[in-house]
Amino acid sequence: MATRDQVNPFYEQMSGIYVGIDLALPGRRRTGVGVLNTVEPMYFVNTLSSREELVSFALGQKPSFVCIDAPPLGLPRHGFNRLIEIKARKLGGLRLLPPLLGSMRLLTMYGIQVANYLRQVNIKVLEVHPTSTLKVLGMDRQGFMRIITSSLRAQVSNVHEIDALVSAFTCLLHDHGCTEALTGYGDDEGALIIPRSDCEIQVLLRGYA
């Protein structure tokens, strides 16, 4: 667990607990999880393996939102891509993997399973894409981490944990009205949440990067 010794003024404007998940298939210990707690304020990360570990972790945080990265949380009405993937490519070249292409099929089904379980216990779950979040905000992973901590190497074990934190940060932006949704053909295709490029928070972020 990592805590901040000094309160960044950015956090003083926020209030909530946001969980990000960089999902991988169970059994591979590659699922990164991250929490941004703007009440404390603090953050922490971990790498998990099983669905049971993941669900227990998410429930234990009592989050305002959970944001899941990697698998789409909806299925395409036609072919391998949802309308969301098509819209994302047209919107500044954001590139998402097709939900049903190759190994993504199993991950997509697993992501939908995890999201449905969390929603059944009244947790708000969103689909996000950290690479797209950072691209819209004009940052790389290192720039993002400078917002969270000044010692990246000491605090985070792997890229999955960083992407989990970016996912949690996208939750935070969403909770404060700084995102937009790329939607599909219907509810079955779901929606991808990305930052709004015209949001005031982007200016604020650049002041702390």
N, C-alpha and C. Protein backbone atom coordinates (compact mmCIF):
# COMPACT_ATOMS: atom_id res chain seq x y z
N MET A 1 0.84 -1.19 0.00
CA MET A 1 0.00 0.00 0.00
C MET A 1 0.88 1.23 0.00
N ALA A 2 0.46 2.26 -0.74
CA ALA A 2 1.22 3.49 -0.80
C ALA A 2 0.35 4.64 -0.34
N THR A 3 0.88 5.51 0.47
CA THR A 3 0.14 6.67 0.94
C THR A 3 0.91 7.93 0.59
N ARG A 4 0.22 9.03 0.55
CA ARG A 4 0.85 10.30 0.23
C ARG A 4 1.21 11.02 1.53
N ASP A 5 2.46 11.48 1.63
CA ASP A 5 2.89 12.23 2.80
C ASP A 5 2.33 13.64 2.80
N GLN A 6 2.17 14.22 1.61
CA GLN A 6 1.64 15.55 1.50
C GLN A 6 0.39 15.51 0.63
N VAL A 7 -0.59 16.30 0.99
CA VAL A 7 -1.85 16.31 0.26
C VAL A 7 -1.69 17.18 -0.99
N ASN A 8 -1.89 16.60 -2.15
CA ASN A 8 -1.90 17.35 -3.39
C ASN A 8 -3.20 18.16 -3.42
N PRO A 9 -3.14 19.47 -3.73
CA PRO A 9 -4.36 20.28 -3.76
C PRO A 9 -5.43 19.72 -4.68
N PHE A 10 -5.00 18.95 -5.69
CA PHE A 10 -5.97 18.33 -6.60
C PHE A 10 -6.98 17.48 -5.84
N TYR A 11 -6.50 16.73 -4.84
CA TYR A 11 -7.36 15.83 -4.10
C TYR A 11 -8.33 16.57 -3.20
N GLU A 12 -7.99 17.78 -2.81
CA GLU A 12 -8.85 18.52 -1.91
C GLU A 12 -10.19 18.86 -2.56
N GLN A 13 -10.26 18.78 -3.89
CA GLN A 13 -11.49 19.10 -4.59
C GLN A 13 -12.37 17.87 -4.81
N MET A 14 -11.89 16.70 -4.41
CA MET A 14 -12.58 15.47 -4.70
C MET A 14 -13.00 14.75 -3.42
N SER A 15 -13.96 13.87 -3.52
CA SER A 15 -14.36 13.09 -2.37
C SER A 15 -15.01 11.79 -2.84
N GLY A 16 -14.29 10.67 -2.69
CA GLY A 16 -14.82 9.40 -3.13
C GLY A 16 -13.77 8.32 -3.13
N ILE A 17 -14.20 7.08 -3.36
CA ILE A 17 -13.29 5.94 -3.45
C ILE A 17 -13.55 5.28 -4.80
N TYR A 18 -12.49 5.12 -5.57
CA TYR A 18 -12.61 4.65 -6.94
C TYR A 18 -11.68 3.45 -7.15
N VAL A 19 -12.25 2.37 -7.65
CA VAL A 19 -11.49 1.14 -7.89
C VAL A 19 -11.30 0.93 -9.38
N GLY A 20 -10.06 0.69 -9.79
CA GLY A 20 -9.76 0.35 -11.17
C GLY A 20 -9.26 -1.08 -11.25
N ILE A 21 -9.64 -1.77 -12.32
CA ILE A 21 -9.23 -3.16 -12.52
C ILE A 21 -8.68 -3.33 -13.93
N ASP A 22 -7.44 -3.78 -14.03
CA ASP A 22 -6.85 -4.16 -15.31
C ASP A 22 -6.96 -5.67 -15.39
N LEU A 23 -8.01 -6.14 -16.03
CA LEU A 23 -8.42 -7.54 -15.92
C LEU A 23 -7.61 -8.48 -16.80
N ALA A 24 -7.27 -9.63 -16.23
CA ALA A 24 -6.68 -10.74 -16.97
C ALA A 24 -7.45 -12.01 -16.60
N LEU A 25 -7.33 -13.04 -17.42
CA LEU A 25 -8.01 -14.29 -17.10
C LEU A 25 -7.51 -14.84 -15.76
N PRO A 26 -8.37 -15.48 -14.98
CA PRO A 26 -7.97 -15.95 -13.65
C PRO A 26 -6.88 -17.01 -13.73
N GLY A 27 -6.08 -17.06 -12.66
CA GLY A 27 -5.03 -18.08 -12.56
C GLY A 27 -3.69 -17.63 -13.06
N ARG A 28 -3.58 -16.42 -13.62
CA ARG A 28 -2.32 -15.97 -14.20
C ARG A 28 -1.64 -14.89 -13.37
N ARG A 29 -2.25 -14.46 -12.30
CA ARG A 29 -1.73 -13.40 -11.43
C ARG A 29 -1.26 -12.20 -12.25
N ARG A 30 -2.16 -11.73 -13.09
CA ARG A 30 -1.85 -10.57 -13.92
C ARG A 30 -2.95 -9.53 -13.85
N THR A 31 -3.92 -9.71 -12.95
CA THR A 31 -4.98 -8.71 -12.80
C THR A 31 -4.51 -7.61 -11.86
N GLY A 32 -4.29 -6.44 -12.41
CA GLY A 32 -3.90 -5.30 -11.58
C GLY A 32 -5.13 -4.64 -10.98
N VAL A 33 -5.04 -4.25 -9.73
CA VAL A 33 -6.12 -3.50 -9.09
C VAL A 33 -5.52 -2.24 -8.47
N GLY A 34 -6.28 -1.18 -8.50
CA GLY A 34 -5.83 0.07 -7.91
C GLY A 34 -6.99 0.82 -7.30
N VAL A 35 -6.72 1.54 -6.24
CA VAL A 35 -7.73 2.33 -5.55
C VAL A 35 -7.23 3.76 -5.40
N LEU A 36 -8.07 4.71 -5.77
CA LEU A 36 -7.84 6.11 -5.45
C LEU A 36 -8.87 6.50 -4.39
N ASN A 37 -8.37 6.85 -3.23
CA ASN A 37 -9.22 7.25 -2.13
C ASN A 37 -9.00 8.75 -1.92
N THR A 38 -9.96 9.56 -2.37
CA THR A 38 -9.80 11.00 -2.27
C THR A 38 -10.33 11.54 -0.95
N VAL A 39 -10.77 10.64 -0.07
CA VAL A 39 -11.21 11.04 1.27
C VAL A 39 -10.01 11.15 2.20
N GLU A 40 -9.05 10.21 2.07
CA GLU A 40 -7.91 10.13 2.99
C GLU A 40 -6.94 11.31 2.91
N PRO A 41 -6.27 11.62 1.77
CA PRO A 41 -6.25 10.94 0.47
C PRO A 41 -5.09 9.95 0.40
N MET A 42 -5.26 8.91 -0.40
CA MET A 42 -4.23 7.89 -0.55
C MET A 42 -4.54 7.06 -1.78
N TYR A 43 -3.58 6.23 -2.15
CA TYR A 43 -3.84 5.25 -3.19
C TYR A 43 -3.12 3.96 -2.82
N PHE A 44 -3.57 2.84 -3.36
CA PHE A 44 -2.81 1.61 -3.25
C PHE A 44 -3.12 0.69 -4.42
N VAL A 45 -2.22 -0.25 -4.62
CA VAL A 45 -2.31 -1.16 -5.76
C VAL A 45 -1.98 -2.58 -5.31
N ASN A 46 -2.36 -3.53 -6.15
CA ASN A 46 -2.01 -4.94 -5.90
C ASN A 46 -2.18 -5.69 -7.22
N THR A 47 -1.67 -6.90 -7.27
CA THR A 47 -1.87 -7.79 -8.42
C THR A 47 -2.51 -9.07 -7.91
N LEU A 48 -3.66 -9.42 -8.49
CA LEU A 48 -4.44 -10.56 -8.01
C LEU A 48 -4.54 -11.62 -9.10
N SER A 49 -5.16 -12.75 -8.73
CA SER A 49 -5.25 -13.86 -9.67
C SER A 49 -6.69 -14.34 -9.87
N SER A 50 -7.34 -14.77 -8.80
CA SER A 50 -8.63 -15.45 -8.93
C SER A 50 -9.80 -14.46 -8.94
N ARG A 51 -10.93 -14.93 -9.45
CA ARG A 51 -12.15 -14.10 -9.43
C ARG A 51 -12.57 -13.82 -8.00
N GLU A 52 -12.39 -14.80 -7.11
CA GLU A 52 -12.78 -14.62 -5.72
C GLU A 52 -11.96 -13.51 -5.06
N GLU A 53 -10.64 -13.50 -5.32
CA GLU A 53 -9.79 -12.43 -4.80
C GLU A 53 -10.27 -11.07 -5.31
N LEU A 54 -10.55 -11.02 -6.59
CA LEU A 54 -10.93 -9.77 -7.23
C LEU A 54 -12.24 -9.22 -6.67
N VAL A 55 -13.25 -10.07 -6.60
CA VAL A 55 -14.55 -9.64 -6.11
C VAL A 55 -14.46 -9.21 -4.65
N SER A 56 -13.74 -9.99 -3.85
CA SER A 56 -13.57 -9.65 -2.44
C SER A 56 -12.89 -8.30 -2.28
N PHE A 57 -11.86 -8.07 -3.10
CA PHE A 57 -11.14 -6.80 -3.06
C PHE A 57 -12.07 -5.64 -3.38
N ALA A 58 -12.82 -5.76 -4.49
CA ALA A 58 -13.69 -4.67 -4.91
C ALA A 58 -14.77 -4.39 -3.87
N LEU A 59 -15.39 -5.44 -3.35
CA LEU A 59 -16.44 -5.24 -2.35
C LEU A 59 -15.90 -4.59 -1.10
N GLY A 60 -14.68 -4.96 -0.72
CA GLY A 60 -14.09 -4.45 0.51
C GLY A 60 -13.80 -2.97 0.50
N GLN A 61 -13.70 -2.38 -0.70
CA GLN A 61 -13.38 -0.95 -0.78
C GLN A 61 -14.60 -0.06 -0.61
N LYS A 62 -15.80 -0.63 -0.79
CA LYS A 62 -17.04 0.16 -0.77
C LYS A 62 -16.91 1.37 -1.72
N PRO A 63 -16.65 1.08 -2.99
CA PRO A 63 -16.31 2.15 -3.94
C PRO A 63 -17.50 2.95 -4.44
N SER A 64 -17.22 4.18 -4.85
CA SER A 64 -18.21 4.98 -5.55
C SER A 64 -18.45 4.40 -6.94
N PHE A 65 -17.37 3.96 -7.60
CA PHE A 65 -17.43 3.33 -8.91
C PHE A 65 -16.31 2.30 -9.02
N VAL A 66 -16.53 1.29 -9.87
CA VAL A 66 -15.48 0.37 -10.30
C VAL A 66 -15.34 0.52 -11.81
N CYS A 67 -14.12 0.74 -12.27
CA CYS A 67 -13.86 0.87 -13.71
C CYS A 67 -12.97 -0.29 -14.16
N ILE A 68 -13.42 -1.02 -15.17
CA ILE A 68 -12.72 -2.22 -15.63
C ILE A 68 -12.11 -1.98 -17.01
N ASP A 69 -10.83 -2.34 -17.12
CA ASP A 69 -10.09 -2.21 -18.38
C ASP A 69 -9.81 -3.59 -18.97
N ALA A 70 -9.55 -3.60 -20.24
CA ALA A 70 -9.07 -4.73 -21.06
C ALA A 70 -10.22 -5.37 -21.80
N PRO A 71 -11.10 -6.15 -21.16
CA PRO A 71 -12.16 -6.72 -21.98
C PRO A 71 -13.31 -5.75 -22.14
N PRO A 72 -13.92 -5.69 -23.31
CA PRO A 72 -15.19 -4.98 -23.42
C PRO A 72 -16.22 -5.63 -22.49
N LEU A 73 -17.15 -4.83 -22.00
CA LEU A 73 -18.18 -5.35 -21.10
C LEU A 73 -19.51 -5.52 -21.82
N GLY A 74 -19.44 -5.63 -23.15
CA GLY A 74 -20.63 -5.88 -23.95
C GLY A 74 -20.23 -6.65 -25.19
N LEU A 75 -21.20 -7.26 -25.84
CA LEU A 75 -20.96 -8.09 -27.03
C LEU A 75 -21.44 -7.38 -28.29
N PRO A 76 -20.72 -7.53 -29.40
CA PRO A 76 -21.15 -6.89 -30.64
C PRO A 76 -22.43 -7.49 -31.19
N ARG A 77 -23.24 -6.65 -31.74
CA ARG A 77 -24.48 -7.13 -32.37
C ARG A 77 -24.16 -7.86 -33.67
N HIS A 78 -23.11 -7.40 -34.35
CA HIS A 78 -22.71 -8.02 -35.62
C HIS A 78 -21.19 -8.14 -35.66
N GLY A 79 -20.67 -9.25 -36.18
CA GLY A 79 -19.25 -9.41 -36.42
C GLY A 79 -18.41 -9.43 -35.15
N PHE A 80 -17.16 -8.94 -35.29
CA PHE A 80 -16.20 -8.97 -34.17
C PHE A 80 -16.17 -7.67 -33.38
N ASN A 81 -16.59 -6.57 -33.99
CA ASN A 81 -16.52 -5.26 -33.36
C ASN A 81 -17.89 -4.74 -32.97
N ARG A 82 -17.92 -4.00 -31.87
CA ARG A 82 -19.10 -3.23 -31.53
C ARG A 82 -19.04 -1.89 -32.27
N LEU A 83 -20.13 -1.18 -32.27
CA LEU A 83 -20.11 0.18 -32.80
C LEU A 83 -19.13 1.03 -32.00
N ILE A 84 -18.93 0.69 -30.74
CA ILE A 84 -18.01 1.43 -29.87
C ILE A 84 -16.59 1.41 -30.43
N GLU A 85 -16.12 0.25 -30.86
CA GLU A 85 -14.77 0.16 -31.41
C GLU A 85 -14.63 1.02 -32.67
N ILE A 86 -15.68 1.06 -33.47
CA ILE A 86 -15.66 1.85 -34.70
C ILE A 86 -15.62 3.34 -34.36
N LYS A 87 -16.45 3.76 -33.41
CA LYS A 87 -16.47 5.16 -32.99
C LYS A 87 -15.12 5.57 -32.41
N ALA A 88 -14.53 4.68 -31.61
CA ALA A 88 -13.25 5.01 -30.96
C ALA A 88 -12.16 5.26 -31.98
N ARG A 89 -12.11 4.45 -33.03
CA ARG A 89 -11.08 4.64 -34.06
C ARG A 89 -11.25 5.97 -34.78
N LYS A 90 -12.51 6.38 -34.97
CA LYS A 90 -12.77 7.64 -35.65
C LYS A 90 -12.50 8.84 -34.74
N LEU A 91 -12.53 8.61 -33.44
CA LEU A 91 -12.34 9.69 -32.48
C LEU A 91 -10.87 9.74 -32.06
N GLY A 92 -10.07 10.32 -32.88
CA GLY A 92 -8.67 10.51 -32.54
C GLY A 92 -7.83 9.25 -32.57
N GLY A 93 -8.29 8.24 -33.29
CA GLY A 93 -7.48 7.03 -33.44
C GLY A 93 -7.34 6.19 -32.20
N LEU A 94 -8.36 6.19 -31.33
CA LEU A 94 -8.34 5.32 -30.15
C LEU A 94 -8.57 3.89 -30.61
N ARG A 95 -7.67 2.98 -30.26
CA ARG A 95 -7.73 1.63 -30.80
C ARG A 95 -8.02 0.62 -29.70
N LEU A 96 -9.17 -0.03 -29.82
CA LEU A 96 -9.60 -1.06 -28.88
C LEU A 96 -9.58 -2.41 -29.59
N LEU A 97 -9.24 -3.46 -28.85
CA LEU A 97 -9.24 -4.79 -29.43
C LEU A 97 -10.67 -5.28 -29.62
N PRO A 98 -10.95 -5.94 -30.75
CA PRO A 98 -12.30 -6.48 -30.98
C PRO A 98 -12.69 -7.48 -29.89
N PRO A 99 -13.91 -7.40 -29.38
CA PRO A 99 -14.33 -8.24 -28.25
C PRO A 99 -14.27 -9.74 -28.48
N LEU A 100 -14.47 -10.17 -29.71
CA LEU A 100 -14.59 -11.61 -29.97
C LEU A 100 -13.46 -12.14 -30.85
N LEU A 101 -12.39 -11.39 -30.97
CA LEU A 101 -11.29 -11.82 -31.83
C LEU A 101 -10.27 -12.61 -31.03
N GLY A 102 -10.06 -13.86 -31.40
CA GLY A 102 -9.04 -14.70 -30.78
C GLY A 102 -9.21 -14.85 -29.28
N SER A 103 -8.12 -14.61 -28.55
CA SER A 103 -8.13 -14.80 -27.09
C SER A 103 -8.98 -13.76 -26.37
N MET A 104 -9.36 -12.68 -27.07
CA MET A 104 -10.21 -11.67 -26.43
C MET A 104 -11.59 -12.22 -26.10
N ARG A 105 -12.02 -13.26 -26.81
CA ARG A 105 -13.35 -13.80 -26.56
C ARG A 105 -13.49 -14.27 -25.10
N LEU A 106 -12.52 -15.05 -24.63
CA LEU A 106 -12.60 -15.55 -23.25
C LEU A 106 -12.52 -14.41 -22.25
N LEU A 107 -11.65 -13.43 -22.52
CA LEU A 107 -11.50 -12.31 -21.60
C LEU A 107 -12.77 -11.46 -21.57
N THR A 108 -13.38 -11.28 -22.73
CA THR A 108 -14.63 -10.52 -22.79
C THR A 108 -15.72 -11.19 -21.96
N MET A 109 -15.87 -12.49 -22.10
CA MET A 109 -16.90 -13.21 -21.35
C MET A 109 -16.62 -13.16 -19.85
N TYR A 110 -15.34 -13.25 -19.49
CA TYR A 110 -14.96 -13.15 -18.08
C TYR A 110 -15.25 -11.76 -17.53
N GLY A 111 -14.93 -10.72 -18.31
CA GLY A 111 -15.21 -9.36 -17.88
C GLY A 111 -16.69 -9.11 -17.67
N ILE A 112 -17.51 -9.61 -18.58
CA ILE A 112 -18.96 -9.45 -18.45
C ILE A 112 -19.45 -10.16 -17.19
N GLN A 113 -18.89 -11.34 -16.91
CA GLN A 113 -19.26 -12.10 -15.72
C GLN A 113 -18.93 -11.32 -14.45
N VAL A 114 -17.72 -10.79 -14.37
CA VAL A 114 -17.30 -10.03 -13.19
C VAL A 114 -18.16 -8.77 -13.03
N ALA A 115 -18.37 -8.05 -14.14
CA ALA A 115 -19.16 -6.82 -14.08
C ALA A 115 -20.59 -7.10 -13.64
N ASN A 116 -21.19 -8.16 -14.18
CA ASN A 116 -22.57 -8.49 -13.81
C ASN A 116 -22.69 -8.83 -12.34
N TYR A 117 -21.71 -9.57 -11.81
CA TYR A 117 -21.75 -9.92 -10.39
C TYR A 117 -21.69 -8.66 -9.53
N LEU A 118 -20.79 -7.76 -9.85
CA LEU A 118 -20.65 -6.53 -9.06
C LEU A 118 -21.91 -5.67 -9.16
N ARG A 119 -22.50 -5.62 -10.33
CA ARG A 119 -23.72 -4.83 -10.49
C ARG A 119 -24.88 -5.43 -9.71
N GLN A 120 -24.90 -6.74 -9.60
CA GLN A 120 -25.96 -7.40 -8.84
C GLN A 120 -25.93 -7.04 -7.36
N VAL A 121 -24.76 -6.64 -6.87
CA VAL A 121 -24.65 -6.23 -5.46
C VAL A 121 -24.57 -4.69 -5.38
N ASN A 122 -25.13 -4.04 -6.41
CA ASN A 122 -25.35 -2.59 -6.42
C ASN A 122 -24.07 -1.75 -6.47
N ILE A 123 -23.04 -2.28 -7.13
CA ILE A 123 -21.84 -1.51 -7.38
C ILE A 123 -21.91 -0.97 -8.80
N LYS A 124 -21.59 0.30 -8.97
CA LYS A 124 -21.60 0.92 -10.29
C LYS A 124 -20.32 0.54 -11.03
N VAL A 125 -20.48 -0.11 -12.17
CA VAL A 125 -19.34 -0.61 -12.95
C VAL A 125 -19.32 0.06 -14.31
N LEU A 126 -18.14 0.52 -14.71
CA LEU A 126 -17.97 1.16 -16.00
C LEU A 126 -16.87 0.47 -16.79
N GLU A 127 -16.98 0.50 -18.11
CA GLU A 127 -15.92 0.02 -18.98
C GLU A 127 -15.03 1.19 -19.37
N VAL A 128 -13.73 1.02 -19.20
CA VAL A 128 -12.78 2.09 -19.55
C VAL A 128 -11.62 1.49 -20.33
N HIS A 129 -10.75 2.37 -20.83
CA HIS A 129 -9.58 1.94 -21.60
C HIS A 129 -8.45 2.89 -21.26
N PRO A 130 -7.54 2.51 -20.34
CA PRO A 130 -6.50 3.43 -19.86
C PRO A 130 -5.68 4.09 -20.96
N THR A 131 -5.32 3.34 -21.99
CA THR A 131 -4.54 3.93 -23.08
C THR A 131 -5.30 5.08 -23.72
N SER A 132 -6.60 4.90 -23.90
CA SER A 132 -7.42 5.97 -24.47
C SER A 132 -7.56 7.13 -23.50
N THR A 133 -7.73 6.83 -22.21
CA THR A 133 -7.81 7.90 -21.20
C THR A 133 -6.57 8.78 -21.26
N LEU A 134 -5.40 8.15 -21.27
CA LEU A 134 -4.15 8.91 -21.29
C LEU A 134 -3.99 9.69 -22.59
N LYS A 135 -4.40 9.09 -23.70
CA LYS A 135 -4.27 9.77 -24.98
C LYS A 135 -5.13 11.02 -25.02
N VAL A 136 -6.36 10.92 -24.54
CA VAL A 136 -7.25 12.08 -24.51
C VAL A 136 -6.69 13.18 -23.62
N LEU A 137 -6.10 12.78 -22.49
CA LEU A 137 -5.55 13.75 -21.54
C LEU A 137 -4.16 14.25 -21.93
N GLY A 138 -3.58 13.65 -22.97
CA GLY A 138 -2.28 14.10 -23.43
C GLY A 138 -1.14 13.74 -22.50
N MET A 139 -1.24 12.55 -21.87
CA MET A 139 -0.22 12.11 -20.93
C MET A 139 0.26 10.72 -21.27
N ASP A 140 1.45 10.35 -20.76
CA ASP A 140 1.87 8.97 -20.77
C ASP A 140 1.75 8.43 -19.34
N ARG A 141 2.12 7.16 -19.15
CA ARG A 141 1.97 6.56 -17.82
C ARG A 141 2.83 7.26 -16.77
N GLN A 142 4.04 7.65 -17.16
CA GLN A 142 4.92 8.31 -16.20
C GLN A 142 4.37 9.67 -15.78
N GLY A 143 3.83 10.40 -16.76
CA GLY A 143 3.23 11.68 -16.43
C GLY A 143 2.04 11.52 -15.51
N PHE A 144 1.25 10.50 -15.77
CA PHE A 144 0.11 10.23 -14.90
C PHE A 144 0.56 9.92 -13.48
N MET A 145 1.58 9.07 -13.36
CA MET A 145 2.02 8.68 -12.03
C MET A 145 2.59 9.84 -11.23
N ARG A 146 3.10 10.85 -11.92
CA ARG A 146 3.60 12.02 -11.19
C ARG A 146 2.48 12.76 -10.48
N ILE A 147 1.25 12.57 -10.96
CA ILE A 147 0.10 13.16 -10.27
C ILE A 147 -0.15 12.41 -8.96
N ILE A 148 0.09 11.10 -8.98
CA ILE A 148 -0.25 10.25 -7.85
C ILE A 148 0.87 10.18 -6.83
N THR A 149 2.10 10.06 -7.30
CA THR A 149 3.24 9.91 -6.39
C THR A 149 4.50 10.38 -7.09
N SER A 150 5.48 10.79 -6.34
CA SER A 150 6.74 11.24 -6.92
C SER A 150 7.75 10.10 -7.05
N SER A 151 7.39 8.89 -6.61
CA SER A 151 8.35 7.76 -6.65
C SER A 151 7.69 6.54 -7.26
N LEU A 152 7.55 6.58 -8.58
CA LEU A 152 6.86 5.51 -9.32
C LEU A 152 7.46 4.13 -9.05
N ARG A 153 8.76 4.00 -9.14
CA ARG A 153 9.38 2.68 -9.06
C ARG A 153 9.20 2.05 -7.68
N ALA A 154 9.16 2.86 -6.66
CA ALA A 154 9.04 2.32 -5.31
C ALA A 154 7.61 1.92 -4.97
N GLN A 155 6.65 2.42 -5.75
CA GLN A 155 5.27 2.26 -5.34
C GLN A 155 4.47 1.23 -6.15
N VAL A 156 4.83 1.04 -7.41
CA VAL A 156 4.03 0.21 -8.31
C VAL A 156 4.88 -0.92 -8.85
N SER A 157 4.32 -2.14 -8.86
CA SER A 157 5.09 -3.33 -9.21
C SER A 157 5.13 -3.62 -10.71
N ASN A 158 4.07 -3.25 -11.45
CA ASN A 158 4.01 -3.62 -12.86
C ASN A 158 3.04 -2.71 -13.60
N VAL A 159 3.02 -2.84 -14.92
CA VAL A 159 2.19 -1.98 -15.76
C VAL A 159 0.71 -2.25 -15.52
N HIS A 160 0.35 -3.45 -15.10
CA HIS A 160 -1.06 -3.77 -14.83
C HIS A 160 -1.58 -2.92 -13.68
N GLU A 161 -0.74 -2.69 -12.69
CA GLU A 161 -1.15 -1.86 -11.55
C GLU A 161 -1.28 -0.39 -11.95
N ILE A 162 -0.39 0.07 -12.85
CA ILE A 162 -0.51 1.45 -13.34
C ILE A 162 -1.82 1.61 -14.11
N ASP A 163 -2.10 0.66 -15.01
CA ASP A 163 -3.33 0.76 -15.79
C ASP A 163 -4.57 0.66 -14.89
N ALA A 164 -4.46 -0.08 -13.80
CA ALA A 164 -5.56 -0.14 -12.84
C ALA A 164 -5.78 1.23 -12.21
N LEU A 165 -4.69 1.93 -11.89
CA LEU A 165 -4.81 3.27 -11.32
C LEU A 165 -5.39 4.26 -12.33
N VAL A 166 -4.97 4.14 -13.59
CA VAL A 166 -5.55 4.99 -14.63
C VAL A 166 -7.04 4.71 -14.76
N SER A 167 -7.42 3.45 -14.66
CA SER A 167 -8.84 3.08 -14.70
C SER A 167 -9.60 3.72 -13.54
N ALA A 168 -9.01 3.64 -12.34
CA ALA A 168 -9.65 4.26 -11.17
C ALA A 168 -9.77 5.76 -11.36
N PHE A 169 -8.75 6.36 -11.96
CA PHE A 169 -8.77 7.80 -12.20
C PHE A 169 -9.88 8.16 -13.19
N THR A 170 -10.12 7.30 -14.18
CA THR A 170 -11.21 7.54 -15.12
C THR A 170 -12.55 7.50 -14.38
N CYS A 171 -12.67 6.60 -13.40
CA CYS A 171 -13.86 6.58 -12.54
C CYS A 171 -14.04 7.93 -11.85
N LEU A 172 -12.95 8.45 -11.30
CA LEU A 172 -12.99 9.73 -10.60
C LEU A 172 -13.46 10.84 -11.54
N LEU A 173 -12.88 10.88 -12.74
CA LEU A 173 -13.30 11.88 -13.71
C LEU A 173 -14.78 11.76 -14.03
N HIS A 174 -15.26 10.53 -14.18
CA HIS A 174 -16.66 10.29 -14.50
C HIS A 174 -17.56 10.80 -13.38
N ASP A 175 -17.16 10.55 -12.15
CA ASP A 175 -17.97 10.95 -11.00
C ASP A 175 -18.08 12.46 -10.90
N HIS A 176 -17.16 13.17 -11.54
CA HIS A 176 -17.17 14.62 -11.48
C HIS A 176 -17.51 15.26 -12.82
N GLY A 177 -18.21 14.48 -13.66
CA GLY A 177 -18.77 15.03 -14.88
C GLY A 177 -17.76 15.37 -15.96
N CYS A 178 -16.61 14.71 -15.94
CA CYS A 178 -15.54 15.02 -16.89
C CYS A 178 -15.31 13.91 -17.89
N THR A 179 -16.34 13.16 -18.23
CA THR A 179 -16.21 12.08 -19.21
C THR A 179 -17.36 12.12 -20.20
N GLU A 180 -17.20 11.33 -21.25
CA GLU A 180 -18.29 11.09 -22.19
C GLU A 180 -18.35 9.60 -22.46
N ALA A 181 -19.49 9.14 -22.97
CA ALA A 181 -19.69 7.72 -23.23
C ALA A 181 -19.76 7.46 -24.73
N LEU A 182 -18.95 6.49 -25.19
CA LEU A 182 -19.10 5.97 -26.54
C LEU A 182 -20.03 4.78 -26.45
N THR A 183 -21.19 4.89 -27.07
CA THR A 183 -22.21 3.86 -26.93
C THR A 183 -22.29 2.99 -28.19
N GLY A 184 -22.87 1.79 -28.01
CA GLY A 184 -23.03 0.85 -29.10
C GLY A 184 -24.43 0.89 -29.68
N TYR A 185 -24.79 -0.19 -30.35
CA TYR A 185 -26.10 -0.27 -30.98
C TYR A 185 -27.22 -0.43 -29.96
N GLY A 186 -26.92 -0.88 -28.78
CA GLY A 186 -27.94 -1.08 -27.76
C GLY A 186 -27.29 -1.40 -26.44
N ASP A 187 -28.10 -1.71 -25.44
CA ASP A 187 -27.57 -1.98 -24.10
C ASP A 187 -26.61 -3.17 -24.11
N ASP A 188 -26.84 -4.16 -24.97
CA ASP A 188 -25.98 -5.34 -25.01
C ASP A 188 -24.55 -4.99 -25.39
N GLU A 189 -24.35 -3.94 -26.18
CA GLU A 189 -23.00 -3.55 -26.57
C GLU A 189 -22.31 -2.71 -25.50
N GLY A 190 -23.07 -2.20 -24.55
CA GLY A 190 -22.48 -1.45 -23.45
C GLY A 190 -22.05 -0.06 -23.85
N ALA A 191 -21.10 0.51 -23.09
CA ALA A 191 -20.59 1.86 -23.34
C ALA A 191 -19.17 1.96 -22.82
N LEU A 192 -18.34 2.69 -23.53
CA LEU A 192 -16.97 2.95 -23.11
C LEU A 192 -16.88 4.38 -22.58
N ILE A 193 -16.32 4.54 -21.39
CA ILE A 193 -16.20 5.85 -20.76
C ILE A 193 -14.80 6.40 -21.00
N ILE A 194 -14.73 7.59 -21.60
CA ILE A 194 -13.45 8.25 -21.85
C ILE A 194 -13.54 9.69 -21.33
N PRO A 195 -12.38 10.31 -21.02
CA PRO A 195 -12.42 11.71 -20.57
C PRO A 195 -12.94 12.63 -21.67
N ARG A 196 -13.55 13.74 -21.26
CA ARG A 196 -13.91 14.79 -22.19
C ARG A 196 -12.69 15.66 -22.45
N SER A 197 -12.38 15.87 -23.71
CA SER A 197 -11.19 16.65 -24.04
C SER A 197 -11.34 18.12 -23.69
N ASP A 198 -12.59 18.60 -23.52
CA ASP A 198 -12.81 20.00 -23.21
C ASP A 198 -13.08 20.25 -21.73
N CYS A 199 -12.84 19.23 -20.90
CA CYS A 199 -13.17 19.36 -19.49
C CYS A 199 -12.14 20.22 -18.78
N GLU A 200 -12.60 21.02 -17.83
CA GLU A 200 -11.71 21.88 -17.07
C GLU A 200 -10.65 21.09 -16.33
N ILE A 201 -10.96 19.85 -15.97
CA ILE A 201 -10.02 19.07 -15.19
C ILE A 201 -8.73 18.79 -15.95
N GLN A 202 -8.78 18.82 -17.28
CA GLN A 202 -7.56 18.60 -18.05
C GLN A 202 -6.55 19.71 -17.76
N VAL A 203 -7.03 20.94 -17.67
CA VAL A 203 -6.14 22.06 -17.35
C VAL A 203 -5.56 21.86 -15.95
N LEU A 204 -6.39 21.44 -15.02
CA LEU A 204 -5.93 21.20 -13.65
C LEU A 204 -4.87 20.10 -13.62
N LEU A 205 -5.09 19.02 -14.38
CA LEU A 205 -4.15 17.92 -14.40
C LEU A 205 -2.78 18.37 -14.90
N ARG A 206 -2.76 19.20 -15.92
CA ARG A 206 -1.48 19.63 -16.47
C ARG A 206 -0.69 20.43 -15.46
N GLY A 207 -1.37 21.02 -14.51
CA GLY A 207 -0.67 21.75 -13.48
C GLY A 207 0.04 20.87 -12.48
N TYR A 208 -0.33 19.58 -12.44
CA TYR A 208 0.28 18.66 -11.46
C TYR A 208 1.08 17.56 -12.13
N ALA A 209 1.17 17.57 -13.48
CA ALA A 209 1.90 16.52 -14.19
C ALA A 209 3.40 16.79 -14.11
